[in-house]
Amino acid sequence: MEPQVGSILEGKVTSITKFGAFVALDSGQSGLVHISEIANSFVNDVHDFLQEGQTVKVLVLSTENGKINLSIKKALPPQERPVSRGPRPGTNGSPRSGMNGGPRPAGGASRPAQQQSRPAFAARQQPLPPSGDQSFEDKLKQFLTSSEGKMADLNRSIDGKRGGGRRRK
């Protein structure tokens, strides 16, 4: 008998691979917990989170052609998230403006003059703060801020190499 999709079951980890872990269910069947379904944080090595023989609670995601897809992170109780109190700057559906939601400075400059003189590769080497208890929107805003800075540095370095002088006929 196939387990019901959406049900939470207990099982024992039978083997661990680089892409996930196989879990034996009480019904005698086994299913796969993909590496992306093990924890709410980034999983580089499954062994950091699971061990063979460990008993885990899993949620049945799907059953197709005798294969059972399972999730450990969705079987966990939902974590409390901070309640948003209205739209954040730059998230009201308007086109993106500056990195902090305000208008962009004149001349296309997005940084103070002292930071623009640094080499492009050194512009974003500060470590990012841990993102374990940030909301998705906060993580996305942090990513966009970082990527906009990197793109500005890249464009600045490419513009200097294009030559922009007079054209030859």
N, C-alpha and C. Protein backbone atom coordinates (compact mmCIF):
# COMPACT_ATOMS: atom_id res chain seq x y z
N MET A 1 0.84 -1.18 0.00
CA MET A 1 0.00 0.00 0.00
C MET A 1 0.88 1.24 0.00
N GLU A 2 0.60 2.18 -0.91
CA GLU A 2 1.38 3.40 -1.04
C GLU A 2 1.02 4.37 0.08
N PRO A 3 2.03 5.07 0.63
CA PRO A 3 1.73 6.09 1.64
C PRO A 3 0.97 7.25 1.02
N GLN A 4 0.12 7.91 1.80
CA GLN A 4 -0.67 9.04 1.32
C GLN A 4 0.21 10.29 1.20
N VAL A 5 0.08 11.00 0.07
CA VAL A 5 0.81 12.25 -0.13
C VAL A 5 0.33 13.25 0.92
N GLY A 6 1.25 13.90 1.60
CA GLY A 6 0.93 14.87 2.64
C GLY A 6 0.96 14.31 4.03
N SER A 7 1.10 12.98 4.16
CA SER A 7 1.13 12.39 5.51
C SER A 7 2.54 12.44 6.08
N ILE A 8 2.63 12.54 7.40
CA ILE A 8 3.91 12.57 8.10
C ILE A 8 4.12 11.19 8.71
N LEU A 9 5.26 10.57 8.37
CA LEU A 9 5.59 9.21 8.82
C LEU A 9 6.95 9.22 9.51
N GLU A 10 7.21 8.13 10.22
CA GLU A 10 8.54 7.94 10.80
C GLU A 10 9.27 6.90 9.98
N GLY A 11 10.58 7.10 9.87
CA GLY A 11 11.38 6.15 9.14
C GLY A 11 12.80 6.16 9.64
N LYS A 12 13.57 5.22 9.13
CA LYS A 12 14.97 5.10 9.55
C LYS A 12 15.86 5.30 8.34
N VAL A 13 16.89 6.12 8.50
CA VAL A 13 17.83 6.40 7.42
C VAL A 13 18.62 5.12 7.15
N THR A 14 18.53 4.62 5.91
CA THR A 14 19.23 3.38 5.57
C THR A 14 20.55 3.64 4.86
N SER A 15 20.59 4.65 4.00
CA SER A 15 21.86 4.98 3.33
C SER A 15 21.88 6.46 2.97
N ILE A 16 23.09 6.98 2.88
CA ILE A 16 23.29 8.40 2.57
C ILE A 16 24.14 8.50 1.31
N THR A 17 23.69 9.34 0.37
CA THR A 17 24.43 9.59 -0.86
C THR A 17 24.76 11.07 -0.94
N LYS A 18 25.48 11.48 -1.98
CA LYS A 18 25.81 12.89 -2.11
C LYS A 18 24.60 13.73 -2.50
N PHE A 19 23.53 13.10 -2.99
CA PHE A 19 22.35 13.84 -3.42
C PHE A 19 21.17 13.71 -2.46
N GLY A 20 21.34 12.99 -1.34
CA GLY A 20 20.24 12.84 -0.40
C GLY A 20 20.40 11.62 0.48
N ALA A 21 19.27 11.18 1.04
CA ALA A 21 19.29 10.02 1.94
C ALA A 21 18.07 9.15 1.67
N PHE A 22 18.27 7.83 1.74
CA PHE A 22 17.16 6.90 1.60
C PHE A 22 16.65 6.54 2.98
N VAL A 23 15.31 6.56 3.12
CA VAL A 23 14.67 6.32 4.41
C VAL A 23 13.72 5.14 4.27
N ALA A 24 13.87 4.15 5.16
CA ALA A 24 12.97 3.00 5.19
C ALA A 24 11.77 3.37 6.05
N LEU A 25 10.57 3.24 5.48
CA LEU A 25 9.34 3.56 6.20
C LEU A 25 8.81 2.34 6.93
N ASP A 26 7.87 2.57 7.86
CA ASP A 26 7.31 1.46 8.64
C ASP A 26 6.55 0.47 7.77
N SER A 27 6.06 0.92 6.62
CA SER A 27 5.29 0.05 5.73
C SER A 27 6.17 -0.92 4.95
N GLY A 28 7.49 -0.87 5.15
CA GLY A 28 8.41 -1.75 4.45
C GLY A 28 8.95 -1.14 3.17
N GLN A 29 8.45 0.01 2.76
CA GLN A 29 8.93 0.68 1.56
C GLN A 29 10.02 1.68 1.95
N SER A 30 10.74 2.14 0.94
CA SER A 30 11.73 3.17 1.21
C SER A 30 11.55 4.30 0.22
N GLY A 31 11.99 5.50 0.65
CA GLY A 31 11.86 6.68 -0.19
C GLY A 31 13.12 7.52 -0.09
N LEU A 32 13.20 8.50 -0.96
CA LEU A 32 14.36 9.38 -1.02
C LEU A 32 14.03 10.75 -0.45
N VAL A 33 14.90 11.22 0.42
CA VAL A 33 14.86 12.61 0.88
C VAL A 33 15.97 13.31 0.11
N HIS A 34 15.59 14.14 -0.86
CA HIS A 34 16.59 14.85 -1.65
C HIS A 34 17.34 15.83 -0.76
N ILE A 35 18.57 16.14 -1.12
CA ILE A 35 19.43 17.03 -0.32
C ILE A 35 18.76 18.38 -0.08
N SER A 36 17.93 18.84 -1.01
CA SER A 36 17.25 20.13 -0.86
C SER A 36 16.09 20.06 0.13
N GLU A 37 15.70 18.86 0.54
CA GLU A 37 14.57 18.68 1.45
C GLU A 37 15.01 18.23 2.85
N ILE A 38 16.30 18.36 3.15
CA ILE A 38 16.80 17.89 4.45
C ILE A 38 16.68 18.96 5.53
N ALA A 39 17.06 20.19 5.23
CA ALA A 39 17.04 21.25 6.24
C ALA A 39 16.64 22.56 5.61
N ASN A 40 16.26 23.51 6.46
CA ASN A 40 15.88 24.85 5.98
C ASN A 40 17.09 25.68 5.61
N SER A 41 18.28 25.24 5.97
CA SER A 41 19.50 25.95 5.61
C SER A 41 20.20 25.19 4.48
N PHE A 42 21.29 25.78 3.96
CA PHE A 42 22.03 25.15 2.87
C PHE A 42 22.71 23.87 3.36
N VAL A 43 22.56 22.80 2.62
CA VAL A 43 23.16 21.51 2.96
C VAL A 43 24.25 21.21 1.94
N ASN A 44 25.49 21.27 2.37
CA ASN A 44 26.61 20.94 1.50
C ASN A 44 26.90 19.45 1.56
N ASP A 45 26.86 18.89 2.77
CA ASP A 45 27.12 17.46 2.97
C ASP A 45 26.00 16.88 3.82
N VAL A 46 25.33 15.86 3.32
CA VAL A 46 24.21 15.24 4.02
C VAL A 46 24.65 14.69 5.37
N HIS A 47 25.89 14.25 5.47
CA HIS A 47 26.40 13.68 6.72
C HIS A 47 26.42 14.70 7.86
N ASP A 48 26.39 16.00 7.53
CA ASP A 48 26.35 17.03 8.57
C ASP A 48 25.01 17.05 9.29
N PHE A 49 23.96 16.49 8.67
CA PHE A 49 22.62 16.55 9.23
C PHE A 49 22.05 15.18 9.59
N LEU A 50 22.47 14.14 8.89
CA LEU A 50 21.89 12.80 9.11
C LEU A 50 22.98 11.75 9.29
N GLN A 51 22.61 10.66 9.97
CA GLN A 51 23.49 9.50 10.12
C GLN A 51 22.69 8.25 9.78
N GLU A 52 23.36 7.24 9.26
CA GLU A 52 22.67 5.99 8.97
C GLU A 52 22.16 5.39 10.28
N GLY A 53 20.92 4.89 10.23
CA GLY A 53 20.30 4.31 11.41
C GLY A 53 19.48 5.31 12.21
N GLN A 54 19.58 6.58 11.89
CA GLN A 54 18.85 7.62 12.61
C GLN A 54 17.37 7.56 12.27
N THR A 55 16.50 7.73 13.27
CA THR A 55 15.06 7.77 13.05
C THR A 55 14.65 9.22 12.79
N VAL A 56 13.89 9.43 11.71
CA VAL A 56 13.48 10.78 11.32
C VAL A 56 11.99 10.79 10.99
N LYS A 57 11.38 11.97 11.12
CA LYS A 57 10.00 12.18 10.67
C LYS A 57 10.08 12.79 9.28
N VAL A 58 9.27 12.26 8.37
CA VAL A 58 9.29 12.72 6.99
C VAL A 58 7.87 12.99 6.51
N LEU A 59 7.75 13.92 5.57
CA LEU A 59 6.49 14.22 4.92
C LEU A 59 6.54 13.61 3.52
N VAL A 60 5.48 12.93 3.13
CA VAL A 60 5.42 12.32 1.80
C VAL A 60 5.06 13.41 0.79
N LEU A 61 5.99 13.71 -0.13
CA LEU A 61 5.77 14.74 -1.15
C LEU A 61 5.03 14.18 -2.35
N SER A 62 5.47 13.02 -2.85
CA SER A 62 4.83 12.42 -4.02
C SER A 62 5.18 10.94 -4.10
N THR A 63 4.35 10.22 -4.83
CA THR A 63 4.62 8.81 -5.11
C THR A 63 4.32 8.59 -6.59
N GLU A 64 5.38 8.29 -7.36
CA GLU A 64 5.22 8.05 -8.79
C GLU A 64 6.04 6.84 -9.19
N ASN A 65 5.43 5.94 -9.93
CA ASN A 65 6.10 4.74 -10.45
C ASN A 65 6.83 3.96 -9.34
N GLY A 66 6.23 3.89 -8.17
CA GLY A 66 6.84 3.15 -7.07
C GLY A 66 7.92 3.92 -6.32
N LYS A 67 8.24 5.13 -6.78
CA LYS A 67 9.24 5.96 -6.11
C LYS A 67 8.53 6.92 -5.16
N ILE A 68 9.06 7.02 -3.94
CA ILE A 68 8.46 7.89 -2.93
C ILE A 68 9.42 9.02 -2.64
N ASN A 69 8.96 10.25 -2.84
CA ASN A 69 9.76 11.43 -2.54
C ASN A 69 9.36 11.97 -1.18
N LEU A 70 10.35 12.17 -0.32
CA LEU A 70 10.10 12.57 1.06
C LEU A 70 10.78 13.89 1.38
N SER A 71 10.32 14.54 2.46
CA SER A 71 10.92 15.78 2.93
C SER A 71 11.01 15.76 4.44
N ILE A 72 12.19 16.08 4.95
CA ILE A 72 12.35 16.21 6.40
C ILE A 72 12.01 17.63 6.82
N LYS A 73 12.45 18.62 6.05
CA LYS A 73 12.24 20.01 6.47
C LYS A 73 10.77 20.40 6.47
N LYS A 74 9.97 19.82 5.61
CA LYS A 74 8.54 20.15 5.59
C LYS A 74 7.77 19.39 6.65
N ALA A 75 8.38 18.39 7.28
CA ALA A 75 7.74 17.68 8.38
C ALA A 75 7.96 18.40 9.70
N LEU A 76 8.90 19.34 9.72
CA LEU A 76 9.18 20.11 10.93
C LEU A 76 8.08 21.14 11.15
N PRO A 77 7.84 21.53 12.41
CA PRO A 77 6.83 22.57 12.65
C PRO A 77 7.28 23.88 12.01
N PRO A 78 6.34 24.69 11.48
CA PRO A 78 6.74 25.94 10.83
C PRO A 78 7.39 26.89 11.82
N GLN A 79 8.45 27.53 11.37
CA GLN A 79 9.15 28.50 12.22
C GLN A 79 8.40 29.82 12.17
N GLU A 80 8.44 30.53 13.27
CA GLU A 80 7.77 31.82 13.30
C GLU A 80 8.56 32.81 12.49
N ARG A 81 7.85 33.60 11.70
CA ARG A 81 8.48 34.63 10.89
C ARG A 81 8.04 35.99 11.39
N PRO A 82 8.88 36.99 11.24
CA PRO A 82 8.45 38.33 11.64
C PRO A 82 7.28 38.78 10.79
N VAL A 83 6.33 39.44 11.42
CA VAL A 83 5.14 39.90 10.71
C VAL A 83 5.46 41.22 10.02
N SER A 84 5.18 41.28 8.72
CA SER A 84 5.43 42.48 7.95
C SER A 84 4.32 43.49 8.24
N ARG A 85 4.69 44.73 8.48
CA ARG A 85 3.72 45.78 8.79
C ARG A 85 3.66 46.77 7.64
N GLY A 86 3.16 46.34 6.52
CA GLY A 86 3.04 47.23 5.36
C GLY A 86 4.16 46.99 4.37
N PRO A 87 4.06 47.63 3.20
CA PRO A 87 5.08 47.41 2.16
C PRO A 87 6.41 48.02 2.56
N ARG A 88 7.46 47.38 2.14
CA ARG A 88 8.81 47.88 2.38
C ARG A 88 9.19 48.82 1.25
N PRO A 89 10.17 49.69 1.47
CA PRO A 89 10.58 50.58 0.38
C PRO A 89 11.05 49.79 -0.82
N GLY A 90 10.57 50.17 -1.99
CA GLY A 90 10.99 49.49 -3.21
C GLY A 90 10.21 48.23 -3.52
N THR A 91 9.23 47.83 -2.66
CA THR A 91 8.48 46.61 -2.93
C THR A 91 7.02 46.91 -3.23
N ASN A 92 6.69 48.15 -3.55
CA ASN A 92 5.30 48.52 -3.79
C ASN A 92 4.89 48.37 -5.25
N GLY A 93 5.65 47.64 -6.02
CA GLY A 93 5.31 47.42 -7.41
C GLY A 93 5.92 48.45 -8.34
N SER A 94 6.56 49.48 -7.78
CA SER A 94 7.19 50.49 -8.63
C SER A 94 8.51 49.95 -9.16
N PRO A 95 9.01 50.50 -10.25
CA PRO A 95 10.30 50.04 -10.77
C PRO A 95 11.38 50.24 -9.73
N ARG A 96 12.36 49.39 -9.76
CA ARG A 96 13.44 49.48 -8.79
C ARG A 96 14.19 50.78 -9.00
N SER A 97 14.53 51.39 -7.91
CA SER A 97 15.35 52.58 -8.01
C SER A 97 16.69 52.28 -7.38
N GLY A 98 17.16 53.11 -6.48
CA GLY A 98 18.46 52.89 -5.86
C GLY A 98 18.48 51.65 -5.02
N MET A 99 19.68 51.29 -4.52
CA MET A 99 19.82 50.06 -3.76
C MET A 99 19.03 50.10 -2.47
N ASN A 100 18.81 51.28 -1.91
CA ASN A 100 18.08 51.36 -0.66
C ASN A 100 16.65 51.81 -0.86
N GLY A 101 16.14 51.77 -2.05
CA GLY A 101 14.76 52.11 -2.33
C GLY A 101 14.58 53.57 -2.70
N GLY A 102 15.58 54.41 -2.53
CA GLY A 102 15.50 55.83 -2.86
C GLY A 102 15.93 56.08 -4.29
N PRO A 103 15.87 57.32 -4.71
CA PRO A 103 16.30 57.62 -6.09
C PRO A 103 17.79 57.44 -6.25
N ARG A 104 18.20 57.13 -7.45
CA ARG A 104 19.63 56.95 -7.72
C ARG A 104 20.30 58.32 -7.79
N PRO A 105 21.55 58.40 -7.36
CA PRO A 105 22.27 59.67 -7.46
C PRO A 105 22.49 60.06 -8.92
N ALA A 106 22.65 61.35 -9.16
CA ALA A 106 22.86 61.85 -10.52
C ALA A 106 24.18 61.32 -11.07
N GLY A 107 24.23 61.12 -12.36
CA GLY A 107 25.46 60.68 -13.00
C GLY A 107 25.66 59.18 -12.96
N GLY A 108 24.71 58.43 -12.44
CA GLY A 108 24.82 56.98 -12.43
C GLY A 108 25.72 56.44 -11.35
N ALA A 109 26.30 57.30 -10.53
CA ALA A 109 27.19 56.81 -9.46
C ALA A 109 26.34 56.23 -8.35
N SER A 110 26.70 55.07 -7.89
CA SER A 110 25.94 54.45 -6.82
C SER A 110 26.75 54.32 -5.55
N ARG A 111 27.97 54.83 -5.52
CA ARG A 111 28.83 54.74 -4.34
C ARG A 111 29.57 56.05 -4.15
N PRO A 112 30.04 56.30 -2.94
CA PRO A 112 30.88 57.48 -2.72
C PRO A 112 32.16 57.39 -3.55
N ALA A 113 32.76 58.56 -3.83
CA ALA A 113 33.92 58.63 -4.71
C ALA A 113 35.09 57.81 -4.19
N GLN A 114 35.28 57.73 -2.86
CA GLN A 114 36.43 57.00 -2.35
C GLN A 114 36.32 55.51 -2.62
N GLN A 115 35.10 54.97 -2.64
CA GLN A 115 34.95 53.54 -2.90
C GLN A 115 35.09 53.21 -4.37
N GLN A 116 34.83 54.17 -5.26
CA GLN A 116 34.91 53.89 -6.68
C GLN A 116 36.34 53.70 -7.15
N SER A 117 37.31 54.18 -6.38
CA SER A 117 38.69 54.04 -6.81
C SER A 117 39.27 52.67 -6.49
N ARG A 118 38.54 51.87 -5.72
CA ARG A 118 39.03 50.52 -5.40
C ARG A 118 38.94 49.62 -6.63
N PRO A 119 39.79 48.60 -6.71
CA PRO A 119 39.67 47.65 -7.82
C PRO A 119 38.34 46.90 -7.74
N ALA A 120 37.81 46.49 -8.89
CA ALA A 120 36.51 45.84 -8.95
C ALA A 120 36.48 44.55 -8.15
N PHE A 121 37.55 43.79 -8.15
CA PHE A 121 37.53 42.50 -7.47
C PHE A 121 37.51 42.64 -5.95
N ALA A 122 37.90 43.78 -5.41
CA ALA A 122 37.94 43.97 -3.97
C ALA A 122 36.68 44.65 -3.45
N ALA A 123 35.74 44.96 -4.31
CA ALA A 123 34.60 45.77 -3.91
C ALA A 123 33.67 45.06 -2.94
N ARG A 124 33.47 43.78 -3.07
CA ARG A 124 32.48 43.08 -2.26
C ARG A 124 33.07 41.89 -1.52
N GLN A 125 34.20 42.06 -0.89
CA GLN A 125 34.81 40.93 -0.23
C GLN A 125 34.47 40.85 1.26
N GLN A 126 33.57 41.73 1.76
CA GLN A 126 33.18 41.63 3.15
C GLN A 126 32.27 40.42 3.29
N PRO A 127 32.39 39.68 4.40
CA PRO A 127 31.51 38.53 4.58
C PRO A 127 30.09 39.00 4.84
N LEU A 128 29.12 38.24 4.33
CA LEU A 128 27.72 38.57 4.55
C LEU A 128 27.30 38.09 5.93
N PRO A 129 26.37 38.77 6.58
CA PRO A 129 25.93 38.32 7.91
C PRO A 129 25.19 37.01 7.79
N PRO A 130 25.15 36.21 8.85
CA PRO A 130 24.45 34.93 8.77
C PRO A 130 22.98 35.15 8.45
N SER A 131 22.42 34.27 7.62
CA SER A 131 21.05 34.47 7.13
C SER A 131 20.09 33.43 7.69
N GLY A 132 20.42 32.81 8.81
CA GLY A 132 19.58 31.75 9.35
C GLY A 132 18.21 32.21 9.76
N ASP A 133 18.07 33.40 10.37
CA ASP A 133 16.77 33.81 10.84
C ASP A 133 16.26 35.05 10.12
N GLN A 134 16.66 35.23 8.85
CA GLN A 134 16.13 36.31 8.04
C GLN A 134 14.96 35.79 7.23
N SER A 135 14.02 36.68 6.91
CA SER A 135 12.91 36.28 6.05
C SER A 135 13.41 36.20 4.61
N PHE A 136 12.61 35.61 3.76
CA PHE A 136 12.98 35.48 2.35
C PHE A 136 13.18 36.86 1.72
N GLU A 137 12.29 37.79 2.07
CA GLU A 137 12.39 39.13 1.50
C GLU A 137 13.70 39.80 1.89
N ASP A 138 14.13 39.60 3.16
CA ASP A 138 15.39 40.18 3.61
C ASP A 138 16.57 39.57 2.86
N LYS A 139 16.53 38.25 2.67
CA LYS A 139 17.60 37.58 1.93
C LYS A 139 17.64 38.07 0.49
N LEU A 140 16.46 38.23 -0.13
CA LEU A 140 16.39 38.70 -1.51
C LEU A 140 16.93 40.13 -1.62
N LYS A 141 16.56 40.99 -0.68
CA LYS A 141 17.05 42.37 -0.69
C LYS A 141 18.57 42.40 -0.54
N GLN A 142 19.09 41.54 0.34
CA GLN A 142 20.54 41.47 0.55
C GLN A 142 21.23 41.00 -0.73
N PHE A 143 20.65 40.01 -1.40
CA PHE A 143 21.22 39.51 -2.64
C PHE A 143 21.21 40.58 -3.72
N LEU A 144 20.08 41.29 -3.87
CA LEU A 144 19.98 42.33 -4.89
C LEU A 144 20.99 43.44 -4.64
N THR A 145 21.14 43.83 -3.38
CA THR A 145 22.11 44.87 -3.04
C THR A 145 23.51 44.44 -3.43
N SER A 146 23.86 43.21 -3.09
CA SER A 146 25.18 42.69 -3.40
C SER A 146 25.39 42.58 -4.91
N SER A 147 24.41 42.06 -5.63
CA SER A 147 24.58 41.86 -7.06
C SER A 147 24.61 43.18 -7.82
N GLU A 148 23.84 44.19 -7.36
CA GLU A 148 23.89 45.49 -8.03
C GLU A 148 25.28 46.10 -7.89
N GLY A 149 25.88 45.96 -6.72
CA GLY A 149 27.23 46.48 -6.51
C GLY A 149 28.25 45.77 -7.39
N LYS A 150 28.12 44.47 -7.48
CA LYS A 150 29.05 43.69 -8.32
C LYS A 150 28.88 44.05 -9.79
N MET A 151 27.63 44.24 -10.25
CA MET A 151 27.40 44.61 -11.64
C MET A 151 27.96 46.00 -11.93
N ALA A 152 27.82 46.92 -10.99
CA ALA A 152 28.36 48.26 -11.19
C ALA A 152 29.88 48.20 -11.32
N ASP A 153 30.54 47.41 -10.47
CA ASP A 153 31.99 47.26 -10.55
C ASP A 153 32.41 46.63 -11.87
N LEU A 154 31.69 45.61 -12.30
CA LEU A 154 32.01 44.93 -13.55
C LEU A 154 31.84 45.88 -14.74
N ASN A 155 30.73 46.60 -14.77
CA ASN A 155 30.49 47.55 -15.87
C ASN A 155 31.55 48.64 -15.89
N ARG A 156 31.96 49.11 -14.72
CA ARG A 156 32.98 50.15 -14.64
C ARG A 156 34.30 49.64 -15.21
N SER A 157 34.66 48.39 -14.89
CA SER A 157 35.93 47.86 -15.39
C SER A 157 35.86 47.56 -16.89
N ILE A 158 34.69 47.16 -17.39
CA ILE A 158 34.54 46.87 -18.82
C ILE A 158 34.56 48.17 -19.62
N ASP A 159 33.92 49.23 -19.11
CA ASP A 159 33.89 50.51 -19.82
C ASP A 159 35.30 51.05 -20.05
N GLY A 160 36.21 50.85 -19.12
CA GLY A 160 37.57 51.32 -19.28
C GLY A 160 38.35 50.55 -20.33
N LYS A 161 37.94 49.33 -20.62
CA LYS A 161 38.66 48.50 -21.58
C LYS A 161 38.10 48.60 -23.00
N ARG A 162 36.97 49.25 -23.16
CA ARG A 162 36.34 49.32 -24.48
C ARG A 162 37.03 50.31 -25.40
N GLY A 163 37.70 51.28 -24.85
CA GLY A 163 38.44 52.19 -25.70
C GLY A 163 37.68 53.43 -26.09
N GLY A 164 36.45 53.45 -26.19
CA GLY A 164 35.58 54.57 -26.45
C GLY A 164 36.15 55.75 -27.22
N GLY A 165 37.29 55.64 -27.88
CA GLY A 165 37.89 56.75 -28.63
C GLY A 165 37.17 56.97 -29.95
N ARG A 166 37.83 57.65 -30.88
CA ARG A 166 37.19 57.90 -32.17
C ARG A 166 37.19 56.64 -33.01
N ARG A 167 36.24 56.59 -33.89
CA ARG A 167 36.10 55.41 -34.75
C ARG A 167 36.92 55.55 -36.01
N ARG A 168 37.40 54.44 -36.49
CA ARG A 168 38.16 54.44 -37.74
C ARG A 168 37.22 54.19 -38.90
N LYS A 169 37.57 54.77 -40.05
CA LYS A 169 36.69 54.60 -41.23
C LYS A 169 37.26 53.59 -42.17
